[in-house]
């Protein structure tokens, strides 16, 4: 579940800044202690083109404001 939230970019929507510190610690602990987590957290769903489009749309939105 944490991996999905991380990859979708919704961690900041679900958790407060204080909670994000705890979540970050827990994710790091999980990564160090569970071999499957090392594989799952290594996977990156985003593709370069998708990231470029997202960045472009973000800059366009800021320019319009």
PDB file of N, CA and C in Angstrom:
ATOM      1  N   UNK A   1       0.825  -1.195   0.000  1.00  0.00           N
ATOM      2  CA  UNK A   1       0.000   0.000   0.000  1.00  0.00           C
ATOM      3  C   UNK A   1       0.868   1.256   0.000  1.00  0.00           C
ATOM      4  N   UNK A   2       1.919   1.258   0.833  1.00  0.00           N
ATOM      5  CA  UNK A   2       2.800   2.422   0.864  1.00  0.00           C
ATOM      6  C   UNK A   2       3.486   2.640  -0.478  1.00  0.00           C
ATOM      7  N   UNK A   3       3.851   1.540  -1.133  1.00  0.00           N
ATOM      8  CA  UNK A   3       4.484   1.647  -2.441  1.00  0.00           C
ATOM      9  C   UNK A   3       3.536   2.300  -3.433  1.00  0.00           C
ATOM     10  N   UNK A   4       2.275   1.891  -3.432  1.00  0.00           N
ATOM     11  CA  UNK A   4       1.291   2.480  -4.347  1.00  0.00           C
ATOM     12  C   UNK A   4       1.100   3.964  -4.073  1.00  0.00           C
ATOM     13  N   UNK A   5       1.014   4.325  -2.801  1.00  0.00           N
ATOM     14  CA  UNK A   5       0.876   5.740  -2.452  1.00  0.00           C
ATOM     15  C   UNK A   5       2.103   6.529  -2.889  1.00  0.00           C
ATOM     16  N   UNK A   6       3.271   5.948  -2.687  1.00  0.00           N
ATOM     17  CA  UNK A   6       4.509   6.625  -3.082  1.00  0.00           C
ATOM     18  C   UNK A   6       4.557   6.832  -4.588  1.00  0.00           C
ATOM     19  N   UNK A   7       4.262   5.784  -5.347  1.00  0.00           N
ATOM     20  CA  UNK A   7       4.329   5.857  -6.801  1.00  0.00           C
ATOM     21  C   UNK A   7       3.258   6.768  -7.387  1.00  0.00           C
ATOM     22  N   UNK A   8       2.108   6.839  -6.746  1.00  0.00           N
ATOM     23  CA  UNK A   8       1.034   7.681  -7.270  1.00  0.00           C
ATOM     24  C   UNK A   8       1.208   9.136  -6.870  1.00  0.00           C
ATOM     25  N   UNK A   9       2.090   9.405  -5.921  1.00  0.00           N
ATOM     26  CA  UNK A   9       2.327  10.781  -5.497  1.00  0.00           C
ATOM     27  C   UNK A   9       1.324  11.297  -4.485  1.00  0.00           C
ATOM     28  N   UNK A  10       0.569  10.412  -3.862  1.00  0.00           N
ATOM     29  CA  UNK A  10      -0.472  10.823  -2.927  1.00  0.00           C
ATOM     30  C   UNK A  10      -0.056  10.772  -1.463  1.00  0.00           C
ATOM     31  N   UNK A  11       1.191  10.457  -1.165  1.00  0.00           N
ATOM     32  CA  UNK A  11       1.612  10.413   0.237  1.00  0.00           C
ATOM     33  C   UNK A  11       1.345  11.739   0.934  1.00  0.00           C
ATOM     34  N   UNK A  12       1.592  12.858   0.238  1.00  0.00           N
ATOM     35  CA  UNK A  12       1.399  14.169   0.837  1.00  0.00           C
ATOM     36  C   UNK A  12      -0.080  14.498   1.037  1.00  0.00           C
ATOM     37  N   UNK A  13      -0.947  13.849   0.274  1.00  0.00           N
ATOM     38  CA  UNK A  13      -2.387  14.066   0.440  1.00  0.00           C
ATOM     39  C   UNK A  13      -2.957  13.251   1.589  1.00  0.00           C
ATOM     40  N   UNK A  14      -2.359  12.123   1.875  1.00  0.00           N
ATOM     41  CA  UNK A  14      -2.879  11.211   2.889  1.00  0.00           C
ATOM     42  C   UNK A  14      -2.307  11.514   4.273  1.00  0.00           C
ATOM     43  N   UNK A  15      -1.022  11.890   4.329  1.00  0.00           N
ATOM     44  CA  UNK A  15      -0.346  12.084   5.608  1.00  0.00           C
ATOM     45  C   UNK A  15       0.038  13.542   5.816  1.00  0.00           C
ATOM     46  N   UNK A  16       0.028  13.980   7.069  1.00  0.00           N
ATOM     47  CA  UNK A  16       0.500  15.323   7.408  1.00  0.00           C
ATOM     48  C   UNK A  16       2.023  15.333   7.339  1.00  0.00           C
ATOM     49  N   UNK A  17       2.625  16.531   7.421  1.00  0.00           N
ATOM     50  CA  UNK A  17       4.088  16.623   7.375  1.00  0.00           C
ATOM     51  C   UNK A  17       4.725  15.862   8.524  1.00  0.00           C
ATOM     52  N   UNK A  18       4.125  15.936   9.705  1.00  0.00           N
ATOM     53  CA  UNK A  18       4.652  15.211  10.858  1.00  0.00           C
ATOM     54  C   UNK A  18       4.561  13.700  10.623  1.00  0.00           C
ATOM     55  N   UNK A  19       3.436  13.254  10.075  1.00  0.00           N
ATOM     56  CA  UNK A  19       3.255  11.832   9.802  1.00  0.00           C
ATOM     57  C   UNK A  19       4.187  11.351   8.690  1.00  0.00           C
ATOM     58  N   UNK A  20       4.514  12.223   7.740  1.00  0.00           N
ATOM     59  CA  UNK A  20       5.404  11.841   6.646  1.00  0.00           C
ATOM     60  C   UNK A  20       6.786  11.463   7.168  1.00  0.00           C
ATOM     61  N   UNK A  21       7.242  12.126   8.239  1.00  0.00           N
ATOM     62  CA  UNK A  21       8.518  11.750   8.839  1.00  0.00           C
ATOM     63  C   UNK A  21       8.467  10.318   9.352  1.00  0.00           C
ATOM     64  N   UNK A  22       7.370   9.980  10.041  1.00  0.00           N
ATOM     65  CA  UNK A  22       7.207   8.620  10.560  1.00  0.00           C
ATOM     66  C   UNK A  22       7.081   7.619   9.421  1.00  0.00           C
ATOM     67  N   UNK A  23       6.323   7.960   8.394  1.00  0.00           N
ATOM     68  CA  UNK A  23       6.148   7.073   7.245  1.00  0.00           C
ATOM     69  C   UNK A  23       7.492   6.823   6.562  1.00  0.00           C
ATOM     70  N   UNK A  24       8.281   7.864   6.417  1.00  0.00           N
ATOM     71  CA  UNK A  24       9.595   7.719   5.795  1.00  0.00           C
ATOM     72  C   UNK A  24      10.480   6.769   6.599  1.00  0.00           C
ATOM     73  N   UNK A  25      10.463   6.913   7.908  1.00  0.00           N
ATOM     74  CA  UNK A  25      11.248   6.018   8.768  1.00  0.00           C
ATOM     75  C   UNK A  25      10.772   4.580   8.615  1.00  0.00           C
ATOM     76  N   UNK A  26       9.465   4.382   8.620  1.00  0.00           N
ATOM     77  CA  UNK A  26       8.911   3.025   8.503  1.00  0.00           C
ATOM     78  C   UNK A  26       9.222   2.403   7.147  1.00  0.00           C
ATOM     79  N   UNK A  27       9.138   3.200   6.083  1.00  0.00           N
ATOM     80  CA  UNK A  27       9.458   2.679   4.750  1.00  0.00           C
ATOM     81  C   UNK A  27      10.919   2.256   4.701  1.00  0.00           C
ATOM     82  N   UNK A  28      11.793   3.072   5.270  1.00  0.00           N
ATOM     83  CA  UNK A  28      13.224   2.722   5.284  1.00  0.00           C
ATOM     84  C   UNK A  28      13.482   1.471   6.106  1.00  0.00           C
ATOM     85  N   UNK A  29      12.807   1.330   7.248  1.00  0.00           N
ATOM     86  CA  UNK A  29      12.956   0.117   8.061  1.00  0.00           C
ATOM     87  C   UNK A  29      12.473  -1.109   7.298  1.00  0.00           C
ATOM     88  N   UNK A  30      11.336  -0.965   6.639  1.00  0.00           N
ATOM     89  CA  UNK A  30      10.790  -2.061   5.848  1.00  0.00           C
ATOM     90  C   UNK A  30      11.747  -2.443   4.728  1.00  0.00           C
ATOM     91  N   UNK A  31      12.305  -1.451   4.073  1.00  0.00           N
ATOM     92  CA  UNK A  31      13.244  -1.694   2.977  1.00  0.00           C
ATOM     93  C   UNK A  31      14.470  -2.469   3.468  1.00  0.00           C
ATOM     94  N   UNK A  32      14.963  -2.117   4.639  1.00  0.00           N
ATOM     95  CA  UNK A  32      16.163  -2.784   5.164  1.00  0.00           C
ATOM     96  C   UNK A  32      15.887  -4.193   5.675  1.00  0.00           C
ATOM     97  N   UNK A  33      14.668  -4.460   6.155  1.00  0.00           N
ATOM     98  CA  UNK A  33      14.421  -5.735   6.829  1.00  0.00           C
ATOM     99  C   UNK A  33      13.685  -6.783   5.994  1.00  0.00           C
ATOM    100  N   UNK A  34      13.032  -6.404   4.930  1.00  0.00           N
ATOM    101  CA  UNK A  34      12.228  -7.351   4.142  1.00  0.00           C
ATOM    102  C   UNK A  34      12.762  -7.402   2.713  1.00  0.00           C
ATOM    103  N   UNK A  35      13.173  -8.581   2.289  1.00  0.00           N
ATOM    104  CA  UNK A  35      13.770  -8.709   0.956  1.00  0.00           C
ATOM    105  C   UNK A  35      12.781  -8.373  -0.155  1.00  0.00           C
ATOM    106  N   UNK A  36      11.507  -8.712   0.013  1.00  0.00           N
ATOM    107  CA  UNK A  36      10.514  -8.375  -1.015  1.00  0.00           C
ATOM    108  C   UNK A  36      10.363  -6.868  -1.141  1.00  0.00           C
ATOM    109  N   UNK A  37      10.453  -6.151  -0.026  1.00  0.00           N
ATOM    110  CA  UNK A  37      10.345  -4.689  -0.066  1.00  0.00           C
ATOM    111  C   UNK A  37      11.484  -4.088  -0.873  1.00  0.00           C
ATOM    112  N   UNK A  38      12.661  -4.681  -0.791  1.00  0.00           N
ATOM    113  CA  UNK A  38      13.790  -4.185  -1.578  1.00  0.00           C
ATOM    114  C   UNK A  38      13.499  -4.271  -3.066  1.00  0.00           C
ATOM    115  N   UNK A  39      12.831  -5.322  -3.468  1.00  0.00           N
ATOM    116  CA  UNK A  39      12.468  -5.486  -4.881  1.00  0.00           C
ATOM    117  C   UNK A  39      11.336  -4.545  -5.253  1.00  0.00           C
ATOM    118  N   UNK A  40      10.302  -4.495  -4.430  1.00  0.00           N
ATOM    119  CA  UNK A  40       9.120  -3.681  -4.741  1.00  0.00           C
ATOM    120  C   UNK A  40       9.444  -2.196  -4.742  1.00  0.00           C
ATOM    121  N   UNK A  41      10.212  -1.724  -3.758  1.00  0.00           N
ATOM    122  CA  UNK A  41      10.524  -0.301  -3.683  1.00  0.00           C
ATOM    123  C   UNK A  41      11.513   0.117  -4.755  1.00  0.00           C
ATOM    124  N   UNK A  42      12.272  -0.830  -5.296  1.00  0.00           N
ATOM    125  CA  UNK A  42      13.198  -0.523  -6.373  1.00  0.00           C
ATOM    126  C   UNK A  42      12.459  -0.254  -7.670  1.00  0.00           C
ATOM    127  N   UNK A  43      11.311  -0.908  -7.871  1.00  0.00           N
ATOM    128  CA  UNK A  43      10.543  -0.748  -9.101  1.00  0.00           C
ATOM    129  C   UNK A  43      10.048   0.684  -9.231  1.00  0.00           C
ATOM    130  N   UNK A  44      10.113   1.197 -10.426  1.00  0.00           N
ATOM    131  CA  UNK A  44       9.662   2.557 -10.702  1.00  0.00           C
ATOM    132  C   UNK A  44       8.665   2.495 -11.849  1.00  0.00           C
ATOM    133  N   UNK A  45       7.436   2.854 -11.561  1.00  0.00           N
ATOM    134  CA  UNK A  45       6.374   2.734 -12.545  1.00  0.00           C
ATOM    135  C   UNK A  45       6.447   3.852 -13.589  1.00  0.00           C
ATOM    136  N   UNK A  46       6.906   5.006 -13.170  1.00  0.00           N
ATOM    137  CA  UNK A  46       6.904   6.171 -14.050  1.00  0.00           C
ATOM    138  C   UNK A  46       7.876   6.002 -15.202  1.00  0.00           C
ATOM    139  N   UNK A  47       7.479   6.501 -16.341  1.00  0.00           N
ATOM    140  CA  UNK A  47       8.341   6.479 -17.511  1.00  0.00           C
ATOM    141  C   UNK A  47       8.809   7.903 -17.785  1.00  0.00           C
ATOM    142  N   UNK A  48       9.919   8.024 -18.456  1.00  0.00           N
ATOM    143  CA  UNK A  48      10.496   9.334 -18.733  1.00  0.00           C
ATOM    144  C   UNK A  48       9.550  10.277 -19.446  1.00  0.00           C
ATOM    145  N   UNK A  49       8.830   9.772 -20.445  1.00  0.00           N
ATOM    146  CA  UNK A  49       7.894  10.613 -21.200  1.00  0.00           C
ATOM    147  C   UNK A  49       6.767  11.089 -20.299  1.00  0.00           C
ATOM    148  N   UNK A  50       6.250  10.202 -19.458  1.00  0.00           N
ATOM    149  CA  UNK A  50       5.172  10.585 -18.554  1.00  0.00           C
ATOM    150  C   UNK A  50       5.629  11.671 -17.586  1.00  0.00           C
ATOM    151  N   UNK A  51       6.841  11.541 -17.072  1.00  0.00           N
ATOM    152  CA  UNK A  51       7.368  12.542 -16.153  1.00  0.00           C
ATOM    153  C   UNK A  51       7.563  13.873 -16.877  1.00  0.00           C
ATOM    154  N   UNK A  52       8.065  13.831 -18.096  1.00  0.00           N
ATOM    155  CA  UNK A  52       8.265  15.059 -18.872  1.00  0.00           C
ATOM    156  C   UNK A  52       6.935  15.765 -19.127  1.00  0.00           C
ATOM    157  N   UNK A  53       5.916  15.004 -19.465  1.00  0.00           N
ATOM    158  CA  UNK A  53       4.592  15.590 -19.709  1.00  0.00           C
ATOM    159  C   UNK A  53       4.036  16.187 -18.415  1.00  0.00           C
ATOM    160  N   UNK A  54       4.188  15.468 -17.328  1.00  0.00           N
ATOM    161  CA  UNK A  54       3.712  15.964 -16.034  1.00  0.00           C
ATOM    162  C   UNK A  54       4.417  17.271 -15.673  1.00  0.00           C
ATOM    163  N   UNK A  55       5.729  17.324 -15.859  1.00  0.00           N
ATOM    164  CA  UNK A  55       6.483  18.543 -15.576  1.00  0.00           C
ATOM    165  C   UNK A  55       6.048  19.692 -16.480  1.00  0.00           C
ATOM    166  N   UNK A  56       5.852  19.397 -17.756  1.00  0.00           N
ATOM    167  CA  UNK A  56       5.400  20.417 -18.695  1.00  0.00           C
ATOM    168  C   UNK A  56       4.051  20.980 -18.288  1.00  0.00           C
ATOM    169  N   UNK A  57       3.126  20.093 -17.947  1.00  0.00           N
ATOM    170  CA  UNK A  57       1.794  20.558 -17.547  1.00  0.00           C
ATOM    171  C   UNK A  57       1.848  21.351 -16.246  1.00  0.00           C
ATOM    172  N   UNK A  58       2.716  20.961 -15.338  1.00  0.00           N
ATOM    173  CA  UNK A  58       2.880  21.711 -14.098  1.00  0.00           C
ATOM    174  C   UNK A  58       3.413  23.111 -14.345  1.00  0.00           C
ATOM    175  N   UNK A  59       4.413  23.228 -15.247  1.00  0.00           N
ATOM    176  CA  UNK A  59       4.943  24.561 -15.584  1.00  0.00           C
ATOM    177  C   UNK A  59       3.906  25.400 -16.317  1.00  0.00           C
ATOM    178  N   UNK A  60       3.131  24.760 -17.188  1.00  0.00           N
ATOM    179  CA  UNK A  60       2.081  25.470 -17.911  1.00  0.00           C
ATOM    180  C   UNK A  60       1.038  26.002 -16.919  1.00  0.00           C
ATOM    181  N   UNK A  61       0.671  25.195 -15.956  1.00  0.00           N
ATOM    182  CA  UNK A  61      -0.309  25.609 -14.938  1.00  0.00           C
ATOM    183  C   UNK A  61       0.225  26.808 -14.141  1.00  0.00           C
ATOM    184  N   UNK A  62       1.505  26.750 -13.751  1.00  0.00           N
ATOM    185  CA  UNK A  62       2.107  27.857 -13.010  1.00  0.00           C
ATOM    186  C   UNK A  62       2.180  29.124 -13.856  1.00  0.00           C
ATOM    187  N   UNK A  63       2.453  28.994 -15.142  1.00  0.00           N
ATOM    188  CA  UNK A  63       2.541  30.151 -16.035  1.00  0.00           C
ATOM    189  C   UNK A  63       1.177  30.823 -16.192  1.00  0.00           C
ATOM    190  N   UNK A  64       0.134  30.029 -16.219  1.00  0.00           N
ATOM    191  CA  UNK A  64      -1.219  30.577 -16.402  1.00  0.00           C
ATOM    192  C   UNK A  64      -1.683  31.313 -15.148  1.00  0.00           C
ATOM    193  N   UNK A  65      -1.238  30.836 -13.981  1.00  0.00           N
ATOM    194  CA  UNK A  65      -1.622  31.507 -12.727  1.00  0.00           C
ATOM    195  C   UNK A  65      -1.009  32.865 -12.711  1.00  0.00           C
TER     196      UNK A  65
END
